[in-house]
Each structure stands twice: as C-alpha cells, then as structure tokens.
N, C-alpha and C. Protein backbone atom coordinates (compact mmCIF):
# COMPACT_ATOMS: atom_id res chain seq x y z
N MET A 1 5.88 -11.33 0.14
CA MET A 1 4.80 -11.97 0.85
C MET A 1 3.56 -11.00 0.83
N VAL A 2 2.45 -11.62 1.05
CA VAL A 2 1.24 -10.88 1.00
C VAL A 2 0.48 -10.98 2.34
N HIS A 3 -0.19 -9.90 2.69
CA HIS A 3 -1.03 -9.98 3.93
C HIS A 3 -2.25 -10.88 3.63
N ALA A 4 -2.12 -12.10 4.07
CA ALA A 4 -3.10 -13.09 3.68
C ALA A 4 -4.55 -12.76 4.11
N LYS A 5 -4.74 -12.25 5.27
CA LYS A 5 -6.06 -11.92 5.78
C LYS A 5 -6.71 -10.83 4.88
N ALA A 6 -5.96 -9.82 4.57
CA ALA A 6 -6.50 -8.74 3.74
C ALA A 6 -6.84 -9.25 2.34
N LEU A 7 -5.97 -10.11 1.79
CA LEU A 7 -6.27 -10.65 0.46
C LEU A 7 -7.47 -11.51 0.52
N TYR A 8 -7.59 -12.43 1.53
CA TYR A 8 -8.70 -13.30 1.65
C TYR A 8 -10.02 -12.53 1.82
N ARG A 9 -9.96 -11.49 2.66
CA ARG A 9 -11.17 -10.71 2.98
C ARG A 9 -11.54 -9.84 1.84
N ASP A 10 -10.61 -9.19 1.13
CA ASP A 10 -10.90 -8.09 0.21
C ASP A 10 -10.94 -8.43 -1.26
N LEU A 11 -10.24 -9.53 -1.65
CA LEU A 11 -10.07 -9.82 -3.07
C LEU A 11 -11.39 -9.99 -3.86
N PRO A 12 -12.39 -10.69 -3.26
CA PRO A 12 -13.68 -10.78 -4.05
C PRO A 12 -14.32 -9.42 -4.34
N ALA A 13 -14.11 -8.45 -3.50
CA ALA A 13 -14.70 -7.11 -3.70
C ALA A 13 -13.85 -6.35 -4.76
N ARG A 14 -12.54 -6.62 -4.83
CA ARG A 14 -11.69 -5.93 -5.75
C ARG A 14 -11.63 -6.53 -7.14
N ASP A 15 -11.82 -7.86 -7.14
CA ASP A 15 -11.74 -8.59 -8.46
C ASP A 15 -13.01 -9.44 -8.60
N LYS A 16 -13.91 -8.98 -9.40
CA LYS A 16 -15.25 -9.63 -9.54
C LYS A 16 -15.12 -11.01 -10.18
N SER A 17 -14.00 -11.44 -10.70
CA SER A 17 -13.88 -12.77 -11.20
C SER A 17 -13.50 -13.76 -10.12
N VAL A 18 -13.24 -13.25 -8.89
CA VAL A 18 -12.95 -14.14 -7.74
C VAL A 18 -14.21 -14.27 -6.90
N THR A 19 -14.53 -15.50 -6.53
CA THR A 19 -15.62 -15.76 -5.63
C THR A 19 -15.14 -16.70 -4.53
N VAL A 20 -15.71 -16.50 -3.35
CA VAL A 20 -15.39 -17.35 -2.22
C VAL A 20 -16.69 -17.91 -1.75
N PRO A 21 -16.81 -19.24 -1.65
CA PRO A 21 -18.09 -19.81 -1.11
C PRO A 21 -18.45 -19.32 0.24
N PRO A 22 -19.70 -19.06 0.57
CA PRO A 22 -20.06 -18.48 1.86
C PRO A 22 -19.48 -19.30 3.07
N GLN A 23 -19.37 -20.62 2.96
CA GLN A 23 -18.88 -21.45 4.05
C GLN A 23 -17.37 -21.29 4.21
N ALA A 24 -16.72 -20.62 3.25
CA ALA A 24 -15.29 -20.47 3.29
C ALA A 24 -14.90 -18.99 3.48
N ALA A 25 -15.85 -18.15 3.80
CA ALA A 25 -15.62 -16.68 3.97
C ALA A 25 -14.54 -16.53 5.08
N TRP A 26 -13.78 -15.43 5.00
CA TRP A 26 -12.69 -15.17 5.91
C TRP A 26 -13.10 -15.15 7.40
N ASN A 27 -14.33 -14.77 7.66
CA ASN A 27 -14.74 -14.66 9.06
C ASN A 27 -15.51 -15.93 9.54
N VAL A 28 -15.58 -16.97 8.78
CA VAL A 28 -16.13 -18.23 9.26
C VAL A 28 -15.07 -19.00 10.06
N PRO A 29 -15.41 -19.36 11.26
CA PRO A 29 -14.40 -20.02 12.17
C PRO A 29 -13.81 -21.28 11.52
N GLU A 30 -12.62 -21.58 11.89
CA GLU A 30 -11.91 -22.73 11.34
C GLU A 30 -12.68 -24.02 11.38
N GLU A 31 -13.32 -24.32 12.50
CA GLU A 31 -14.04 -25.60 12.68
C GLU A 31 -15.21 -25.74 11.68
N LYS A 32 -15.71 -24.64 11.06
CA LYS A 32 -16.76 -24.67 10.09
C LYS A 32 -16.26 -24.32 8.65
N ASN A 33 -15.01 -23.98 8.54
CA ASN A 33 -14.45 -23.49 7.31
C ASN A 33 -13.50 -24.50 6.68
N PRO A 34 -13.89 -25.00 5.44
CA PRO A 34 -13.09 -26.06 4.82
C PRO A 34 -11.74 -25.49 4.29
N TRP A 35 -11.58 -24.19 4.20
CA TRP A 35 -10.37 -23.58 3.69
C TRP A 35 -9.35 -23.30 4.81
N LYS A 36 -9.66 -23.43 6.02
CA LYS A 36 -8.80 -23.10 7.15
C LYS A 36 -8.33 -24.28 7.89
N GLU A 37 -7.05 -24.24 8.32
CA GLU A 37 -6.49 -25.17 9.24
C GLU A 37 -5.38 -24.52 9.97
N THR A 38 -5.19 -24.86 11.28
CA THR A 38 -4.24 -24.25 12.07
C THR A 38 -2.81 -24.78 11.87
N ARG A 39 -2.69 -25.94 11.32
CA ARG A 39 -1.37 -26.60 11.15
C ARG A 39 -0.38 -25.62 10.56
N SER A 40 0.85 -25.64 11.12
CA SER A 40 1.96 -24.78 10.62
C SER A 40 2.44 -25.40 9.30
N TRP A 41 2.89 -24.53 8.44
CA TRP A 41 3.51 -24.96 7.14
C TRP A 41 4.89 -25.59 7.41
N SER A 42 5.20 -26.63 6.65
CA SER A 42 6.53 -27.23 6.76
C SER A 42 7.48 -26.35 5.97
N GLU A 43 8.75 -26.49 6.29
CA GLU A 43 9.77 -25.76 5.54
C GLU A 43 9.76 -26.12 4.05
N ARG A 44 9.51 -27.42 3.72
CA ARG A 44 9.47 -27.84 2.37
C ARG A 44 8.27 -27.15 1.63
N GLU A 45 7.13 -27.01 2.29
CA GLU A 45 5.96 -26.35 1.65
C GLU A 45 6.29 -24.87 1.45
N LEU A 46 6.85 -24.23 2.46
CA LEU A 46 7.19 -22.80 2.32
C LEU A 46 8.15 -22.55 1.18
N VAL A 47 9.21 -23.40 1.10
CA VAL A 47 10.22 -23.26 0.00
C VAL A 47 9.55 -23.48 -1.38
N ALA A 48 8.58 -24.42 -1.47
CA ALA A 48 7.93 -24.69 -2.72
C ALA A 48 7.05 -23.44 -3.07
N ILE A 49 6.41 -22.92 -2.13
CA ILE A 49 5.51 -21.70 -2.45
C ILE A 49 6.46 -20.61 -2.87
N LEU A 50 7.48 -20.33 -2.19
CA LEU A 50 8.38 -19.26 -2.53
C LEU A 50 9.03 -19.47 -3.94
N ASP A 51 9.52 -20.69 -4.20
CA ASP A 51 10.11 -21.00 -5.47
C ASP A 51 9.08 -20.75 -6.62
N SER A 52 7.84 -21.23 -6.42
CA SER A 52 6.81 -21.02 -7.39
C SER A 52 6.56 -19.57 -7.66
N GLY A 53 6.52 -18.78 -6.57
CA GLY A 53 6.31 -17.33 -6.74
C GLY A 53 7.43 -16.67 -7.49
N VAL A 54 8.64 -17.05 -7.24
CA VAL A 54 9.84 -16.43 -7.93
C VAL A 54 9.75 -16.80 -9.41
N GLU A 55 9.43 -18.07 -9.73
CA GLU A 55 9.38 -18.54 -11.11
C GLU A 55 8.23 -17.79 -11.87
N SER A 56 7.18 -17.56 -11.17
CA SER A 56 5.98 -16.97 -11.84
C SER A 56 5.94 -15.43 -11.97
N ASN A 57 6.90 -14.78 -11.32
CA ASN A 57 6.93 -13.35 -11.30
C ASN A 57 8.27 -12.75 -11.66
N PRO A 58 8.31 -12.05 -12.80
CA PRO A 58 9.63 -11.54 -13.23
C PRO A 58 10.08 -10.50 -12.29
N VAL A 59 11.40 -10.35 -12.19
CA VAL A 59 11.98 -9.32 -11.32
C VAL A 59 11.80 -7.95 -11.99
N ILE A 60 11.43 -6.97 -11.24
CA ILE A 60 11.23 -5.62 -11.77
C ILE A 60 12.62 -4.97 -11.83
N GLU A 61 12.94 -4.41 -12.95
CA GLU A 61 14.26 -3.68 -13.08
C GLU A 61 14.20 -2.41 -12.22
N PHE A 62 15.29 -2.13 -11.48
CA PHE A 62 15.35 -0.94 -10.68
C PHE A 62 16.82 -0.67 -10.45
N ASP A 63 17.12 0.62 -10.16
CA ASP A 63 18.47 1.05 -9.83
C ASP A 63 18.47 1.19 -8.31
N PRO A 64 19.34 0.45 -7.61
CA PRO A 64 19.42 0.53 -6.16
C PRO A 64 20.02 1.91 -5.79
N VAL A 65 19.51 2.46 -4.71
CA VAL A 65 19.87 3.79 -4.24
C VAL A 65 20.09 3.74 -2.72
N GLU A 66 21.12 4.38 -2.25
CA GLU A 66 21.38 4.40 -0.82
C GLU A 66 20.74 5.68 -0.28
N PHE A 67 20.20 5.63 0.88
CA PHE A 67 19.50 6.75 1.53
C PHE A 67 20.12 7.11 2.89
N SER A 68 19.95 8.28 3.32
CA SER A 68 20.36 8.68 4.68
C SER A 68 19.25 9.40 5.34
N SER A 69 19.43 9.82 6.54
CA SER A 69 18.40 10.59 7.21
C SER A 69 18.59 12.09 6.96
N GLN A 70 19.56 12.49 6.16
CA GLN A 70 19.84 13.84 5.87
C GLN A 70 19.00 14.23 4.68
N LEU A 71 17.93 15.00 4.88
CA LEU A 71 17.01 15.34 3.82
C LEU A 71 17.55 16.59 3.05
N MET A 72 17.31 16.56 1.76
CA MET A 72 17.72 17.66 0.85
C MET A 72 16.84 17.58 -0.36
N PRO A 73 16.74 18.71 -1.05
CA PRO A 73 15.95 18.74 -2.32
C PRO A 73 16.48 17.71 -3.31
N ALA A 74 15.62 16.97 -4.00
CA ALA A 74 16.08 15.93 -4.90
C ALA A 74 16.88 16.64 -6.08
N ARG A 75 16.58 17.87 -6.43
CA ARG A 75 17.31 18.48 -7.53
C ARG A 75 18.81 18.58 -7.32
N ARG A 76 19.23 18.63 -6.00
CA ARG A 76 20.69 18.64 -5.71
C ARG A 76 21.37 17.37 -6.13
N LEU A 77 20.61 16.34 -6.33
CA LEU A 77 21.20 15.07 -6.70
C LEU A 77 21.47 15.00 -8.23
N GLY A 78 21.07 16.01 -8.93
CA GLY A 78 21.23 16.04 -10.33
C GLY A 78 19.94 15.61 -11.03
N ALA A 79 20.04 15.51 -12.36
CA ALA A 79 18.81 15.08 -13.10
C ALA A 79 18.48 13.68 -12.78
N VAL A 80 17.38 13.45 -12.13
CA VAL A 80 16.92 12.09 -11.78
C VAL A 80 15.68 11.83 -12.54
N THR A 81 15.72 10.75 -13.30
CA THR A 81 14.52 10.36 -13.98
C THR A 81 13.97 9.11 -13.32
N ALA A 82 12.69 9.11 -13.04
CA ALA A 82 12.12 7.97 -12.36
C ALA A 82 10.84 7.64 -13.09
N ARG A 83 10.62 6.37 -13.15
CA ARG A 83 9.29 5.90 -13.75
C ARG A 83 8.55 5.17 -12.66
N PRO A 84 7.24 5.27 -12.71
CA PRO A 84 6.47 4.55 -11.73
C PRO A 84 6.68 3.03 -11.95
N LEU A 85 6.72 2.24 -10.90
CA LEU A 85 6.71 0.83 -11.09
C LEU A 85 5.33 0.34 -11.59
N GLU A 86 5.37 -0.73 -12.26
CA GLU A 86 4.11 -1.31 -12.80
C GLU A 86 3.16 -1.57 -11.61
N ASP A 87 1.88 -1.35 -11.86
CA ASP A 87 0.87 -1.60 -10.86
C ASP A 87 1.09 -0.74 -9.58
N SER A 88 1.71 0.40 -9.68
CA SER A 88 1.91 1.16 -8.49
C SER A 88 1.01 2.40 -8.44
N ASN A 89 -0.12 2.31 -9.14
CA ASN A 89 -1.06 3.45 -9.18
C ASN A 89 -2.12 3.39 -8.07
N THR A 90 -1.97 2.38 -7.23
CA THR A 90 -2.93 2.32 -6.09
C THR A 90 -2.16 2.16 -4.79
N SER A 91 -2.83 2.51 -3.70
CA SER A 91 -2.09 2.42 -2.46
C SER A 91 -3.16 2.28 -1.33
N ARG A 92 -2.75 1.65 -0.25
CA ARG A 92 -3.59 1.48 0.94
C ARG A 92 -2.83 1.86 2.18
N GLY A 93 -3.53 2.09 3.20
CA GLY A 93 -2.92 2.25 4.46
C GLY A 93 -2.39 3.66 4.76
N HIS A 94 -1.56 3.76 5.83
CA HIS A 94 -1.01 4.99 6.28
C HIS A 94 0.28 5.34 5.54
N HIS A 95 0.45 6.56 5.16
CA HIS A 95 1.70 6.93 4.48
C HIS A 95 2.22 8.22 5.05
N GLU A 96 3.55 8.27 5.23
CA GLU A 96 4.21 9.48 5.62
C GLU A 96 4.96 10.00 4.39
N ILE A 97 4.63 11.19 3.95
CA ILE A 97 5.27 11.78 2.75
C ILE A 97 6.14 12.99 3.21
N LEU A 98 7.40 12.91 2.94
CA LEU A 98 8.33 13.97 3.29
C LEU A 98 8.55 14.80 2.05
N THR A 99 8.61 16.10 2.15
CA THR A 99 8.80 16.95 1.04
C THR A 99 9.69 18.14 1.45
N TRP A 100 10.13 18.90 0.49
CA TRP A 100 11.05 20.01 0.70
C TRP A 100 10.47 21.28 0.16
N PHE A 101 10.48 22.34 1.01
CA PHE A 101 10.09 23.68 0.51
C PHE A 101 11.30 24.55 0.46
N ASP A 102 11.48 25.31 -0.59
CA ASP A 102 12.63 26.21 -0.77
C ASP A 102 12.57 27.29 0.24
N SER A 103 11.31 27.71 0.62
CA SER A 103 11.22 28.79 1.65
C SER A 103 9.98 28.43 2.51
N ALA A 104 10.10 28.85 3.77
CA ALA A 104 9.03 28.56 4.72
C ALA A 104 8.28 29.84 4.90
N PRO A 105 7.01 29.81 5.20
CA PRO A 105 6.23 28.60 5.30
C PRO A 105 5.83 28.10 3.93
N GLY A 106 5.48 26.86 3.82
CA GLY A 106 5.05 26.25 2.59
C GLY A 106 3.85 25.43 2.82
N ARG A 107 3.04 25.21 1.80
CA ARG A 107 1.83 24.41 1.97
C ARG A 107 1.84 23.43 0.79
N PRO A 108 1.75 22.15 1.17
CA PRO A 108 1.77 21.12 0.05
C PRO A 108 0.41 21.08 -0.63
N GLU A 109 0.45 20.78 -1.96
CA GLU A 109 -0.75 20.55 -2.78
C GLU A 109 -0.79 19.07 -3.04
N LEU A 110 -1.87 18.47 -2.64
CA LEU A 110 -2.01 17.03 -2.85
C LEU A 110 -3.24 16.79 -3.67
N GLN A 111 -3.15 15.73 -4.46
CA GLN A 111 -4.25 15.26 -5.19
C GLN A 111 -4.53 13.86 -4.71
N VAL A 112 -5.71 13.65 -4.03
CA VAL A 112 -6.07 12.32 -3.51
C VAL A 112 -7.28 11.84 -4.24
N THR A 113 -7.21 10.60 -4.74
CA THR A 113 -8.37 10.03 -5.41
C THR A 113 -8.73 8.78 -4.76
N ARG A 114 -9.84 8.21 -5.06
CA ARG A 114 -10.31 6.93 -4.48
C ARG A 114 -10.69 6.03 -5.65
N GLY A 115 -10.84 4.73 -5.34
CA GLY A 115 -11.15 3.79 -6.41
C GLY A 115 -12.47 4.12 -7.11
N ALA A 116 -12.46 3.92 -8.43
CA ALA A 116 -13.65 4.22 -9.24
C ALA A 116 -14.78 3.28 -8.90
N ASP A 117 -14.42 2.12 -8.33
CA ASP A 117 -15.42 1.13 -8.05
C ASP A 117 -16.19 1.34 -6.76
N ARG A 118 -15.85 2.43 -5.99
CA ARG A 118 -16.48 2.73 -4.73
C ARG A 118 -17.43 3.87 -4.94
N PRO A 119 -18.53 3.85 -4.25
CA PRO A 119 -19.49 4.94 -4.41
C PRO A 119 -18.91 6.24 -3.88
N LEU A 120 -19.36 7.33 -4.47
CA LEU A 120 -18.96 8.66 -4.07
C LEU A 120 -19.49 8.99 -2.69
N PRO A 121 -18.78 9.68 -1.85
CA PRO A 121 -19.28 10.02 -0.52
C PRO A 121 -20.49 10.95 -0.61
N GLN A 122 -21.36 10.95 0.42
CA GLN A 122 -22.48 11.83 0.51
C GLN A 122 -21.95 13.18 0.95
N PRO A 123 -22.62 14.27 0.64
CA PRO A 123 -22.20 15.55 1.09
C PRO A 123 -21.93 15.55 2.64
N GLY A 124 -20.79 16.08 3.00
CA GLY A 124 -20.48 16.16 4.43
C GLY A 124 -19.80 14.88 4.97
N GLN A 125 -19.77 13.81 4.15
CA GLN A 125 -19.17 12.53 4.61
C GLN A 125 -17.63 12.65 4.40
N ARG A 126 -16.91 12.36 5.41
CA ARG A 126 -15.43 12.48 5.33
C ARG A 126 -14.91 11.10 4.98
N THR A 127 -14.10 11.03 3.89
CA THR A 127 -13.57 9.71 3.50
C THR A 127 -12.03 9.74 3.56
N THR A 128 -11.37 10.82 3.42
CA THR A 128 -9.93 10.92 3.39
C THR A 128 -9.51 12.07 4.25
N SER A 129 -8.44 11.82 4.97
CA SER A 129 -7.91 12.96 5.76
C SER A 129 -6.41 13.01 5.54
N VAL A 130 -5.92 14.26 5.49
CA VAL A 130 -4.48 14.47 5.35
C VAL A 130 -4.05 15.32 6.58
N ALA A 131 -3.20 14.73 7.33
CA ALA A 131 -2.65 15.41 8.52
C ALA A 131 -1.39 16.13 8.18
N VAL A 132 -1.33 17.44 8.40
CA VAL A 132 -0.09 18.18 8.23
C VAL A 132 0.40 18.55 9.55
N PRO A 133 1.50 17.88 9.99
CA PRO A 133 1.97 18.17 11.37
C PRO A 133 2.41 19.58 11.59
N SER A 134 2.39 19.95 12.86
CA SER A 134 2.91 21.32 13.19
C SER A 134 4.44 21.31 13.05
N ARG A 135 4.97 22.53 12.91
CA ARG A 135 6.40 22.74 12.79
C ARG A 135 7.03 22.68 14.18
N PRO A 136 8.36 22.52 14.32
CA PRO A 136 8.97 22.41 15.63
C PRO A 136 8.67 23.61 16.51
N ASP A 137 8.39 24.79 15.86
CA ASP A 137 8.13 25.95 16.73
C ASP A 137 6.65 25.95 17.22
N GLY A 138 5.89 24.92 16.86
CA GLY A 138 4.46 24.77 17.31
C GLY A 138 3.49 25.39 16.32
N SER A 139 3.89 26.17 15.35
CA SER A 139 2.94 26.75 14.39
C SER A 139 2.61 25.72 13.33
N ASP A 140 1.56 26.05 12.57
CA ASP A 140 1.20 25.15 11.52
C ASP A 140 1.77 25.58 10.16
N GLY A 141 2.56 26.64 10.18
CA GLY A 141 3.21 27.07 8.93
C GLY A 141 2.39 28.09 8.19
N THR A 142 1.23 28.48 8.68
CA THR A 142 0.44 29.48 7.96
C THR A 142 0.58 30.83 8.48
C-alpha cells in the first residue's frame, strides 16, 4: 500500500510527466475537488485494486531471514552477500540505524545526500540532521 496523501501531494514535484489540474490539487476541499469523495471503498473494489497491483508488479526475490533483539556484528553470521533492492536508492522519513563497534568509543561515519532535483542549501542553512544518542552512562562516546 502507498501513503495516498503523500503520493497525491508530492508526485507532480517528483515526476515532471505527472500533472494535477489546479481544481484537483490535494489541498482543495472535497466539495470543490472532482477527484475527491468521502465514500468508503467496497470490498469488491479493494480486492480489484489489490489484484491489479499484484498482477502488475513482479515479486522481488529475497531470502527470508529471522531476527532477534540480540545484536551482534554481522560478520559473526558468516559471509553474507546482500544486494540492494531495486529502486532502494532513495529514502524518506525518520530512520533508526543500529551499528556495531568492535571497541568503544566509536563514531559512525555517514554519507548523507539529497535529491539532485532540489536546490542546494544556502550557507548556514540546515537541511539534514543526524542525532547520535548518548550512551547508557550519559556520555556521548567522545
């Protein structure tokens, strides 16, 4: 499933081949917007949409893996080869990234990029933040 409001609101900016008529913009109220209606979808309509989506999108091959809350370095699992999933080179939203350091303190090195279609920030303008939480002992690890 897709976050419909985000798709409706953002797709024309992300894909220049998509246009939405001004009277159908995401923030135009339902009573003035020909693309909106409050009616709930019927089960038949939902099943048809789902079936169409399954037919139109091949299943991505993957190896299922079981996880636990017991963290350990990945190398203890043996030689693991992983390939990025198709179209996984972009991301949005909040992410928690867990990592392992062989010795403490450790400092992660991150490379964060932004979309090439967005203007570069002005000097001093903050666009991305990375929060490194403090350790259980209250220190920041430095």
